[in-house]
C-alpha atoms as a PDB file:
ATOM      1  CA  MET A   1      33.945  63.491  15.825  1.00  0.00           C
ATOM      2  CA  GLU A   2      35.034  66.100  13.293  1.00  0.00           C
ATOM      3  CA  SER A   3      38.410  65.614  14.364  1.00  0.00           C
ATOM      4  CA  THR A   4      38.122  61.848  13.665  1.00  0.00           C
ATOM      5  CA  GLY A   5      36.870  62.572  10.266  1.00  0.00           C
ATOM      6  CA  ASN A   6      39.849  64.825   9.496  1.00  0.00           C
ATOM      7  CA  ASP A   7      42.179  62.267  10.783  1.00  0.00           C
ATOM      8  CA  ASP A   8      40.675  59.695   8.541  1.00  0.00           C
ATOM      9  CA  LYS A   9      40.959  61.897   5.561  1.00  0.00           C
ATOM     10  CA  LEU A  10      44.712  62.647   6.282  1.00  0.00           C
ATOM     11  CA  LYS A  11      45.493  59.019   6.756  1.00  0.00           C
ATOM     12  CA  GLN A  12      43.902  58.308   3.500  1.00  0.00           C
ATOM     13  CA  PHE A  13      45.811  61.172   1.802  1.00  0.00           C
ATOM     14  CA  LEU A  14      49.123  60.048   3.234  1.00  0.00           C
ATOM     15  CA  THR A  15      48.451  56.406   2.221  1.00  0.00           C
ATOM     16  CA  ILE A  16      48.049  57.459  -1.465  1.00  0.00           C
ATOM     17  CA  ILE A  17      51.157  59.667  -1.271  1.00  0.00           C
ATOM     18  CA  ILE A  18      53.278  56.699   0.010  1.00  0.00           C
ATOM     19  CA  GLN A  19      51.732  54.231  -2.520  1.00  0.00           C
ATOM     20  CA  ASP A  20      52.620  56.955  -5.317  1.00  0.00           C
ATOM     21  CA  LYS A  21      56.346  57.215  -3.921  1.00  0.00           C
ATOM     22  CA  VAL A  22      56.616  53.393  -3.973  1.00  0.00           C
ATOM     23  CA  GLN A  23      55.246  53.112  -7.475  1.00  0.00           C
ATOM     24  CA  LEU A  24      57.368  56.153  -8.695  1.00  0.00           C
ATOM     25  CA  LEU A  25      60.564  54.654  -7.191  1.00  0.00           C
ATOM     26  CA  LYS A  26      59.966  51.454  -9.048  1.00  0.00           C
ATOM     27  CA  LEU A  27      59.246  53.280 -12.363  1.00  0.00           C
ATOM     28  CA  LYS A  28      62.367  55.289 -11.931  1.00  0.00           C
ATOM     29  CA  ASN A  29      64.397  52.138 -11.453  1.00  0.00           C
ATOM     30  CA  ASP A  30      62.863  50.498 -14.421  1.00  0.00           C
ATOM     31  CA  ILE A  31      63.334  53.351 -16.704  1.00  0.00           C
ATOM     32  CA  ALA A  32      66.978  53.642 -15.734  1.00  0.00           C
ATOM     33  CA  GLU A  33      67.842  50.009 -16.448  1.00  0.00           C
ATOM     34  CA  LEU A  34      66.166  50.223 -19.835  1.00  0.00           C
ATOM     35  CA  GLU A  35      67.993  53.420 -20.549  1.00  0.00           C
ATOM     36  CA  LYS A  36      71.407  51.916 -19.590  1.00  0.00           C
ATOM     37  CA  SER A  37      70.608  48.831 -21.655  1.00  0.00           C
ATOM     38  CA  ILE A  38      69.621  50.839 -24.769  1.00  0.00           C
ATOM     39  CA  LYS A  39      72.398  53.257 -24.750  1.00  0.00           C
ATOM     40  CA  SER A  40      74.900  50.527 -24.457  1.00  0.00           C
ATOM     41  CA  LYS A  41      73.371  48.573 -27.431  1.00  0.00           C
ATOM     42  CA  ILE A  42      73.389  51.717 -29.643  1.00  0.00           C
ATOM     43  CA  ALA A  43      76.970  52.186 -28.745  1.00  0.00           C
ATOM     44  CA  GLN A  44      77.986  48.865 -29.556  1.00  0.00           C
ATOM     45  CA  GLY A  45      75.844  48.030 -32.676  1.00  0.00           C
ATOM     46  CA  LYS A  46      75.954  51.669 -34.137  1.00  0.00           C
ATOM     47  CA  GLY A  47      74.748  51.437 -37.720  1.00  0.00           C
ATOM     48  CA  ASP A  48      73.701  47.822 -37.312  1.00  0.00           C
ATOM     49  CA  LYS A  49      70.063  47.618 -38.576  1.00  0.00           C
ATOM     50  CA  SER A  50      69.605  44.124 -37.325  1.00  0.00           C
ATOM     51  CA  ILE A  51      69.306  45.217 -33.587  1.00  0.00           C
ATOM     52  CA  ASN A  52      66.982  48.137 -34.402  1.00  0.00           C
ATOM     53  CA  ASN A  53      63.774  46.333 -33.933  1.00  0.00           C
ATOM     54  CA  GLU A  54      64.747  44.952 -30.568  1.00  0.00           C
ATOM     55  CA  LEU A  55      66.070  48.573 -29.431  1.00  0.00           C
ATOM     56  CA  ILE A  56      62.873  50.253 -30.696  1.00  0.00           C
ATOM     57  CA  SER A  57      60.793  47.680 -28.860  1.00  0.00           C
ATOM     58  CA  GLU A  58      62.669  48.416 -25.724  1.00  0.00           C
ATOM     59  CA  ASN A  59      62.569  52.141 -26.212  1.00  0.00           C
ATOM     60  CA  ASN A  60      58.734  51.814 -26.608  1.00  0.00           C
ATOM     61  CA  LYS A  61      58.649  50.143 -23.169  1.00  0.00           C
ATOM     62  CA  ARG A  62      60.814  53.004 -21.810  1.00  0.00           C
ATOM     63  CA  LYS A  63      58.247  55.471 -23.323  1.00  0.00           C
ATOM     64  CA  GLU A  64      55.384  53.883 -21.672  1.00  0.00           C
ATOM     65  CA  LEU A  65      57.066  53.806 -18.250  1.00  0.00           C
ATOM     66  CA  ILE A  66      58.179  57.384 -18.647  1.00  0.00           C
ATOM     67  CA  PHE A  67      54.453  58.709 -19.357  1.00  0.00           C
ATOM     68  CA  ARG A  68      53.379  56.465 -16.453  1.00  0.00           C
ATOM     69  CA  LEU A  69      55.616  58.271 -14.055  1.00  0.00           C
ATOM     70  CA  ILE A  70      54.564  61.616 -15.428  1.00  0.00           C
ATOM     71  CA  ASN A  71      50.859  61.063 -15.112  1.00  0.00           C
ATOM     72  CA  THR A  72      51.332  59.647 -11.552  1.00  0.00           C
ATOM     73  CA  ILE A  73      53.207  62.824 -10.625  1.00  0.00           C
ATOM     74  CA  VAL A  74      50.538  64.943 -12.288  1.00  0.00           C
ATOM     75  CA  ASN A  75      47.585  63.155 -10.743  1.00  0.00           C
ATOM     76  CA  GLU A  76      49.411  63.288  -7.418  1.00  0.00           C
ATOM     77  CA  HIS A  77      49.858  67.122  -7.788  1.00  0.00           C
ATOM     78  CA  LYS A  78      46.207  67.730  -8.733  1.00  0.00           C
ATOM     79  CA  MET A  79      44.989  65.725  -5.689  1.00  0.00           C
ATOM     80  CA  ILE A  80      47.383  67.751  -3.240  1.00  0.00           C
ATOM     81  CA  SER A  81      46.187  71.043  -4.947  1.00  0.00           C
ATOM     82  CA  SER A  82      42.651  70.142  -4.004  1.00  0.00           C
ATOM     83  CA  THR A  83      43.128  69.759  -0.225  1.00  0.00           C
ATOM     84  CA  ASP A  84      43.758  71.933   2.543  1.00  0.00           C
ATOM     85  CA  TYR A  85      47.543  70.683   2.329  1.00  0.00           C
ATOM     86  CA  ALA A  86      48.398  72.068  -0.770  1.00  0.00           C
ATOM     87  CA  GLY A  87      50.714  74.908   0.512  1.00  0.00           C
ATOM     88  CA  GLU A  88      52.403  72.301   2.941  1.00  0.00           C
ATOM     89  CA  VAL A  89      53.501  69.578   0.546  1.00  0.00           C
ATOM     90  CA  LYS A  90      56.517  70.009  -1.593  1.00  0.00           C
ATOM     91  CA  PRO A  91      56.666  68.822  -5.370  1.00  0.00           C
ATOM     92  CA  SER A  92      57.316  65.224  -5.773  1.00  0.00           C
ATOM     93  CA  PRO A  93      61.142  64.634  -5.582  1.00  0.00           C
ATOM     94  CA  PHE A  94      60.910  62.777  -9.003  1.00  0.00           C
ATOM     95  CA  ALA A  95      59.103  65.810 -10.646  1.00  0.00           C
ATOM     96  CA  SER A  96      62.621  67.537 -11.427  1.00  0.00           C
ATOM     97  CA  GLU A  97      64.015  64.370 -13.334  1.00  0.00           C
ATOM     98  CA  THR A  98      61.213  64.316 -15.959  1.00  0.00           C
ATOM     99  CA  TYR A  99      62.941  66.880 -18.258  1.00  0.00           C
ATOM    100  CA  ASN A 100      66.051  64.918 -18.545  1.00  0.00           C
ATOM    101  CA  LEU A 101      64.287  61.336 -18.806  1.00  0.00           C
ATOM    102  CA  LEU A 102      62.306  62.969 -21.896  1.00  0.00           C
ATOM    103  CA  ILE A 103      65.487  64.412 -23.559  1.00  0.00           C
ATOM    104  CA  SER A 104      67.474  61.309 -23.079  1.00  0.00           C
ATOM    105  CA  PHE A 105      64.606  59.251 -24.513  1.00  0.00           C
ATOM    106  CA  MET A 106      64.114  61.353 -27.566  1.00  0.00           C
ATOM    107  CA  ASP A 107      67.805  61.417 -28.331  1.00  0.00           C
ATOM    108  CA  ASP A 108      67.923  57.773 -28.336  1.00  0.00           C
ATOM    109  CA  TYR A 109      65.014  57.522 -30.881  1.00  0.00           C
ATOM    110  CA  ILE A 110      66.719  60.199 -32.944  1.00  0.00           C
ATOM    111  CA  ASN A 111      69.842  57.974 -33.173  1.00  0.00           C
ATOM    112  CA  LEU A 112      67.778  54.942 -34.011  1.00  0.00           C
ATOM    113  CA  SER A 113      65.961  56.708 -36.770  1.00  0.00           C
ATOM    114  CA  ARG A 114      69.556  57.471 -38.275  1.00  0.00           C
ATOM    115  CA  ASN A 115      70.064  53.596 -38.376  1.00  0.00           C
ATOM    116  CA  ILE A 116      67.046  52.890 -40.504  1.00  0.00           C
ATOM    117  CA  GLN A 117      67.877  55.393 -43.361  1.00  0.00           C
ATOM    118  CA  GLY A 118      68.568  53.976 -46.767  1.00  0.00           C
ATOM    119  CA  ASP A 119      66.678  50.757 -47.130  1.00  0.00           C
ATOM    120  CA  PRO A 120      64.411  50.843 -43.934  1.00  0.00           C
ATOM    121  CA  ASP A 121      62.846  47.872 -42.350  1.00  0.00           C
ATOM    122  CA  PRO A 122      58.795  48.494 -42.303  1.00  0.00           C
ATOM    123  CA  ILE A 123      58.563  47.385 -38.807  1.00  0.00           C
ATOM    124  CA  SER A 124      61.358  49.721 -37.464  1.00  0.00           C
ATOM    125  CA  LEU A 125      60.056  52.793 -39.613  1.00  0.00           C
ATOM    126  CA  ASN A 126      56.313  52.217 -38.587  1.00  0.00           C
ATOM    127  CA  SER A 127      57.071  51.697 -35.016  1.00  0.00           C
ATOM    128  CA  SER A 128      59.555  54.711 -34.841  1.00  0.00           C
ATOM    129  CA  LEU A 129      57.001  57.058 -36.552  1.00  0.00           C
ATOM    130  CA  ALA A 130      54.277  55.807 -34.250  1.00  0.00           C
ATOM    131  CA  ALA A 131      56.364  56.460 -31.350  1.00  0.00           C
ATOM    132  CA  TYR A 132      56.969  60.198 -32.529  1.00  0.00           C
ATOM    133  CA  MET A 133      53.267  60.886 -33.057  1.00  0.00           C
ATOM    134  CA  ASP A 134      52.430  59.202 -29.677  1.00  0.00           C
ATOM    135  CA  VAL A 135      54.879  61.255 -27.731  1.00  0.00           C
ATOM    136  CA  ASN A 136      54.055  64.530 -29.132  1.00  0.00           C
ATOM    137  CA  LEU A 137      50.352  63.985 -28.780  1.00  0.00           C
ATOM    138  CA  LYS A 138      50.813  63.145 -25.044  1.00  0.00           C
ATOM    139  CA  LEU A 139      53.214  66.019 -24.404  1.00  0.00           C
ATOM    140  CA  ASP A 140      50.852  68.477 -25.935  1.00  0.00           C
ATOM    141  CA  SER A 141      48.192  67.379 -23.503  1.00  0.00           C
ATOM    142  CA  LEU A 142      50.583  67.412 -20.592  1.00  0.00           C
ATOM    143  CA  TYR A 143      52.722  70.294 -20.935  1.00  0.00           C
ATOM    144  CA  GLU A 144      50.497  72.716 -18.677  1.00  0.00           C
ATOM    145  CA  SER A 145      49.937  70.195 -16.130  1.00  0.00           C
ATOM    146  CA  MET A 146      53.803  69.316 -15.971  1.00  0.00           C
ATOM    147  CA  GLU A 147      54.524  73.116 -15.526  1.00  0.00           C
ATOM    148  CA  ASP A 148      51.992  73.343 -12.700  1.00  0.00           C
ATOM    149  CA  ALA A 149      53.529  70.365 -10.975  1.00  0.00           C
ATOM    150  CA  GLN A 150      56.978  71.790 -11.501  1.00  0.00           C
ATOM    151  CA  MET A 151      58.089  69.081 -13.689  1.00  0.00           C
ATOM    152  CA  ILE A 152      59.544  71.334 -16.181  1.00  0.00           C
ATOM    153  CA  LYS A 153      60.864  74.757 -15.719  1.00  0.00           C
ATOM    154  CA  LYS A 154      60.544  77.986 -17.720  1.00  0.00           C
ATOM    155  CA  GLY A 155      62.223  77.417 -21.114  1.00  0.00           C
ATOM    156  CA  GLU A 156      62.332  73.641 -20.728  1.00  0.00           C
ATOM    157  CA  ARG A 157      59.007  73.181 -22.759  1.00  0.00           C
ATOM    158  CA  ASP A 158      60.809  75.164 -25.653  1.00  0.00           C
ATOM    159  CA  ASP A 159      63.756  72.669 -25.484  1.00  0.00           C
ATOM    160  CA  LEU A 160      61.456  69.593 -25.629  1.00  0.00           C
ATOM    161  CA  LEU A 161      59.606  71.160 -28.629  1.00  0.00           C
ATOM    162  CA  ALA A 162      63.012  71.895 -30.322  1.00  0.00           C
ATOM    163  CA  LYS A 163      64.106  68.159 -29.748  1.00  0.00           C
ATOM    164  CA  SER A 164      60.699  67.004 -31.053  1.00  0.00           C
ATOM    165  CA  HIS A 165      61.270  69.037 -34.207  1.00  0.00           C
ATOM    166  CA  LEU A 166      64.748  67.409 -34.651  1.00  0.00           C
ATOM    167  CA  TRP A 167      63.228  63.995 -34.273  1.00  0.00           C
ATOM    168  CA  LYS A 168      60.716  64.860 -36.878  1.00  0.00           C
ATOM    169  CA  ASN A 169      63.217  65.953 -39.178  1.00  0.00           C
ATOM    170  CA  GLN A 170      65.045  62.648 -38.839  1.00  0.00           C
ATOM    171  CA  ILE A 171      62.217  60.245 -39.130  1.00  0.00           C
ATOM    172  CA  PHE A 172      60.028  61.870 -41.644  1.00  0.00           C
ATOM    173  CA  PRO A 173      62.485  62.016 -44.646  1.00  0.00           C
ATOM    174  CA  VAL A 174      63.126  58.309 -44.142  1.00  0.00           C
ATOM    175  CA  LEU A 175      59.178  57.690 -44.743  1.00  0.00           C
ATOM    176  CA  ASP A 176      59.061  60.124 -47.560  1.00  0.00           C
ATOM    177  CA  ASN A 177      61.907  58.513 -49.363  1.00  0.00           C
ATOM    178  CA  ALA A 178      60.521  54.903 -48.715  1.00  0.00           C
ATOM    179  CA  VAL A 179      57.076  55.497 -50.141  1.00  0.00           C
ATOM    180  CA  MET A 180      58.407  57.568 -53.230  1.00  0.00           C
ATOM    181  CA  ASN A 181      60.904  54.819 -53.930  1.00  0.00           C
ATOM    182  CA  GLU A 182      57.908  52.205 -54.342  1.00  0.00           C
ATOM    183  CA  PHE A 183      56.892  54.307 -57.652  1.00  0.00           C
ATOM    184  CA  THR A 184      60.363  55.661 -58.817  1.00  0.00           C
ATOM    185  CA  SER A 185      62.024  52.151 -58.563  1.00  0.00           C
ATOM    186  CA  ARG A 186      59.369  50.870 -60.876  1.00  0.00           C
ATOM    187  CA  ASN A 187      59.902  53.785 -63.577  1.00  0.00           C
ATOM    188  CA  ILE A 188      56.522  55.106 -63.105  1.00  0.00           C
ATOM    189  CA  PRO A 189      56.385  58.896 -64.367  1.00  0.00           C
ATOM    190  CA  ILE A 190      55.171  60.384 -61.189  1.00  0.00           C
ATOM    191  CA  VAL A 191      56.299  63.769 -60.069  1.00  0.00           C
ATOM    192  CA  PHE A 192      56.214  64.151 -56.341  1.00  0.00           C
ATOM    193  CA  GLN A 193      55.595  67.583 -55.028  1.00  0.00           C
ATOM    194  CA  ARG A 194      57.101  67.241 -51.474  1.00  0.00           C
ATOM    195  CA  ASP A 195      56.767  69.959 -48.960  1.00  0.00           C
ATOM    196  CA  ASN A 196      56.162  70.270 -45.200  1.00  0.00           C
ATOM    197  CA  LYS A 197      52.341  69.724 -45.439  1.00  0.00           C
ATOM    198  CA  SER A 198      51.074  66.237 -44.745  1.00  0.00           C
ATOM    199  CA  ASP A 199      48.847  66.251 -47.956  1.00  0.00           C
ATOM    200  CA  TRP A 200      51.831  66.393 -50.353  1.00  0.00           C
ATOM    201  CA  PHE A 201      51.780  62.598 -50.894  1.00  0.00           C
ATOM    202  CA  ILE A 202      47.960  62.186 -51.674  1.00  0.00           C
ATOM    203  CA  LYS A 203      48.243  65.269 -53.682  1.00  0.00           C
ATOM    204  CA  SER A 204      51.075  63.824 -55.884  1.00  0.00           C
ATOM    205  CA  ILE A 205      49.201  60.628 -56.341  1.00  0.00           C
ATOM    206  CA  LEU A 206      45.999  62.226 -57.292  1.00  0.00           C
ATOM    207  CA  ASP A 207      47.658  64.656 -59.769  1.00  0.00           C
ATOM    208  CA  PHE A 208      49.277  61.555 -61.541  1.00  0.00           C
ATOM    209  CA  ILE A 209      46.348  59.227 -61.528  1.00  0.00           C
ATOM    210  CA  THR A 210      43.430  61.629 -62.449  1.00  0.00           C
ATOM    211  CA  PRO A 211      44.320  62.094 -66.046  1.00  0.00           C
ATOM    212  CA  TYR A 212      44.023  58.292 -66.495  1.00  0.00           C
ATOM    213  CA  GLN A 213      40.424  58.510 -65.312  1.00  0.00           C
ATOM    214  CA  ASN A 214      39.425  60.125 -68.620  1.00  0.00           C
ATOM    215  CA  PRO A 215      39.296  57.622 -71.674  1.00  0.00           C
ATOM    216  CA  ASP A 216      39.665  60.607 -73.985  1.00  0.00           C
ATOM    217  CA  ASP A 217      42.858  61.876 -72.422  1.00  0.00           C
ATOM    218  CA  ILE A 218      46.074  61.827 -74.306  1.00  0.00           C
ATOM    219  CA  VAL A 219      47.646  59.383 -71.701  1.00  0.00           C
ATOM    220  CA  ASN A 220      45.073  56.709 -72.667  1.00  0.00           C
ATOM    221  CA  GLN A 221      45.617  56.897 -76.420  1.00  0.00           C
ATOM    222  CA  ASP A 222      48.123  54.226 -76.233  1.00  0.00           C
ATOM    223  CA  LYS A 223      46.204  51.679 -74.214  1.00  0.00           C
ATOM    224  CA  GLU A 224      48.902  49.185 -74.044  1.00  0.00           C
ATOM    225  CA  ARG A 225      51.242  51.591 -72.544  1.00  0.00           C
ATOM    226  CA  SER A 226      48.478  52.871 -70.225  1.00  0.00           C
ATOM    227  CA  GLY A 227      47.895  49.313 -69.078  1.00  0.00           C
ATOM    228  CA  GLU A 228      51.479  48.851 -68.387  1.00  0.00           C
ATOM    229  CA  ILE A 229      51.896  51.952 -66.347  1.00  0.00           C
ATOM    230  CA  ARG A 230      48.640  51.136 -64.581  1.00  0.00           C
ATOM    231  CA  GLU A 231      49.824  47.491 -63.692  1.00  0.00           C
ATOM    232  CA  LYS A 232      53.199  49.014 -62.400  1.00  0.00           C
ATOM    233  CA  PHE A 233      51.385  51.813 -60.343  1.00  0.00           C
ATOM    234  CA  THR A 234      49.016  49.135 -58.933  1.00  0.00           C
ATOM    235  CA  GLU A 235      51.916  47.034 -57.895  1.00  0.00           C
ATOM    236  CA  ALA A 236      53.586  50.047 -56.214  1.00  0.00           C
ATOM    237  CA  TRP A 237      50.412  51.020 -54.331  1.00  0.00           C
ATOM    238  CA  LEU A 238      49.773  47.464 -53.001  1.00  0.00           C
ATOM    239  CA  SER A 239      53.351  47.447 -51.887  1.00  0.00           C
ATOM    240  CA  VAL A 240      52.783  50.889 -49.958  1.00  0.00           C
ATOM    241  CA  LYS A 241      49.671  49.570 -48.304  1.00  0.00           C
ATOM    242  CA  SER A 242      51.441  46.408 -47.286  1.00  0.00           C
ATOM    243  CA  LYS A 243      54.533  47.887 -46.092  1.00  0.00           C
ATOM    244  CA  TRP A 244      54.095  51.472 -44.936  1.00  0.00           C
ATOM    245  CA  LEU A 245      50.390  51.990 -44.241  1.00  0.00           C
ATOM    246  CA  PRO A 246      50.784  52.210 -40.468  1.00  0.00           C
ATOM    247  CA  ALA A 247      53.267  55.054 -40.764  1.00  0.00           C
ATOM    248  CA  LEU A 248      51.290  56.756 -43.561  1.00  0.00           C
ATOM    249  CA  THR A 249      48.239  56.883 -41.478  1.00  0.00           C
ATOM    250  CA  SER A 250      50.177  57.879 -38.293  1.00  0.00           C
ATOM    251  CA  ALA A 251      51.787  60.788 -40.113  1.00  0.00           C
ATOM    252  CA  LYS A 252      48.309  61.850 -41.506  1.00  0.00           C
ATOM    253  CA  TYR A 253      49.432  61.185 -45.024  1.00  0.00           C
ATOM    254  CA  LEU A 254      46.563  58.770 -45.626  1.00  0.00           C
ATOM    255  CA  ASN A 255      43.182  57.878 -44.160  1.00  0.00           C
ATOM    256  CA  GLU A 256      40.527  55.316 -44.976  1.00  0.00           C
ATOM    257  CA  ARG A 257      38.657  57.598 -47.451  1.00  0.00           C
ATOM    258  CA  MET A 258      41.891  58.521 -49.410  1.00  0.00           C
ATOM    259  CA  ILE A 259      42.800  54.912 -49.592  1.00  0.00           C
ATOM    260  CA  ALA A 260      39.242  53.794 -50.950  1.00  0.00           C
ATOM    261  CA  ASP A 261      39.569  56.699 -53.438  1.00  0.00           C
ATOM    262  CA  ILE A 262      42.742  55.479 -54.887  1.00  0.00           C
ATOM    263  CA  ASP A 263      41.582  51.929 -55.058  1.00  0.00           C
ATOM    264  CA  GLU A 264      38.362  52.996 -56.923  1.00  0.00           C
ATOM    265  CA  LYS A 265      40.460  55.229 -59.355  1.00  0.00           C
ATOM    266  CA  ILE A 266      42.666  52.192 -60.092  1.00  0.00           C
ATOM    267  CA  ILE A 267      39.489  50.109 -61.085  1.00  0.00           C
ATOM    268  CA  THR A 268      38.172  52.916 -63.201  1.00  0.00           C
ATOM    269  CA  TRP A 269      41.715  53.175 -65.017  1.00  0.00           C
ATOM    270  CA  LYS A 270      41.745  49.530 -65.682  1.00  0.00           C
ATOM    271  CA  SER A 271      38.124  49.905 -67.217  1.00  0.00           C
ATOM    272  CA  PHE A 272      39.703  52.135 -69.909  1.00  0.00           C
ATOM    273  CA  THR A 273      42.668  50.186 -70.783  1.00  0.00           C
ATOM    274  CA  GLY A 274      40.824  46.902 -71.376  1.00  0.00           C
ATOM    275  CA  LYS A 275      43.053  43.910 -71.017  1.00  0.00           C
ATOM    276  CA  SER A 276      46.399  44.426 -69.519  1.00  0.00           C
ATOM    277  CA  PHE A 277      49.515  44.321 -71.491  1.00  0.00           C
ATOM    278  CA  THR A 278      50.564  41.253 -69.684  1.00  0.00           C
ATOM    279  CA  PHE A 279      47.114  39.576 -70.675  1.00  0.00           C
ATOM    280  CA  SER A 280      47.628  40.617 -74.291  1.00  0.00           C
ATOM    281  CA  SER A 281      51.292  39.128 -74.268  1.00  0.00           C
ATOM    282  CA  ILE A 282      49.924  35.860 -72.966  1.00  0.00           C
ATOM    283  CA  LEU A 283      47.090  35.791 -75.586  1.00  0.00           C
ATOM    284  CA  ILE A 284      49.604  36.249 -78.480  1.00  0.00           C
ATOM    285  CA  GLY A 285      51.903  33.584 -77.070  1.00  0.00           C
ATOM    286  CA  LEU A 286      48.865  31.042 -77.037  1.00  0.00           C
ATOM    287  CA  LEU A 287      47.910  32.006 -80.537  1.00  0.00           C
ATOM    288  CA  ILE A 288      51.417  31.388 -81.793  1.00  0.00           C
ATOM    289  CA  LEU A 289      51.485  27.997 -79.829  1.00  0.00           C
ATOM    290  CA  ALA A 290      48.178  27.221 -81.362  1.00  0.00           C
ATOM    291  CA  GLY A 291      49.494  28.016 -84.840  1.00  0.00           C
ATOM    292  CA  ILE A 292      52.639  25.900 -84.391  1.00  0.00           C
ATOM    293  CA  SER A 293      50.447  22.974 -83.195  1.00  0.00           C
ATOM    294  CA  ILE A 294      48.112  23.327 -86.278  1.00  0.00           C
ATOM    295  CA  ALA A 295      51.307  23.321 -88.670  1.00  0.00           C
ATOM    296  CA  VAL A 296      52.620  20.427 -86.906  1.00  0.00           C
ATOM    297  CA  ILE A 297      49.242  18.415 -87.190  1.00  0.00           C
ATOM    298  CA  LEU A 298      49.115  19.328 -90.893  1.00  0.00           C
ATOM    299  CA  PHE A 299      52.666  18.468 -91.522  1.00  0.00           C
ATOM    300  CA  MET A 300      52.130  15.070 -89.873  1.00  0.00           C
ATOM    301  CA  LYS A 301      48.983  14.265 -92.105  1.00  0.00           C
ATOM    302  CA  PHE A 302      50.811  15.274 -95.212  1.00  0.00           C
ATOM    303  CA  ARG A 303      53.739  12.884 -94.438  1.00  0.00           C
ATOM    304  CA  LYS A 304      51.184   9.871 -93.887  1.00  0.00           C
ATOM    305  CA  LYS A 305      49.934  10.596 -97.357  1.00  0.00           C
END
């Protein structure tokens, strides 16, 4: 009876291993096909931003497949390690390929990031930065398990971290320049104190907008000028939220509380400046038109006399 129970466990164990091998082989083939397609398109359309969205979408699929493969191998190793067969079963034959898959994947994303510099497309930039954050979060949680499963060798973790750092240095400046340009292109006199910390953006915004919260501050003495700056700032802020918010939240530059705080400060600023300069201009224009109309009416009455 005991022998039959052990045989059943062994059959169950082998069934799982076989199923994993079939799944891993399919994952490997799917990843290889995507990799070939992506590298070919990058080579053919180097510098062509029009195909970036398509390539980033394909590389995201590739990312999901790679991590499905990694998790399958890790879980298989954990299962084997918990049985009496731990010393008898060799590491998965797919384990040693993981390092090269990750390095190649990150290299392609670095190349794609170079293509979106200058005037980046929001979809491309948001997707690229989300992928970077997702990959690093997943790798941080998997490094130890990958080493236990002999998926990465000694020193290869450092190689992956270095590649990740290179990827970060490629994608983050694109985001930084994009959000700063929203303000500087509108001639808003804001000074951005950019550094390696994620709070540089919100600090720069708060340093600029805080003085405008005080009605007695020198910046509010000329209400028309203050109102003009507020309208430009509001326009830039709305553009940032509509185009770059996914990337900014992924990068930990902004969160819901920070966004709500800036929105409230804009409302407070508006209360100090009264009607906007645009409204004032419209009002003056209407008064001029009304004056002209009255003059015409009086002139017509005078002629009738």
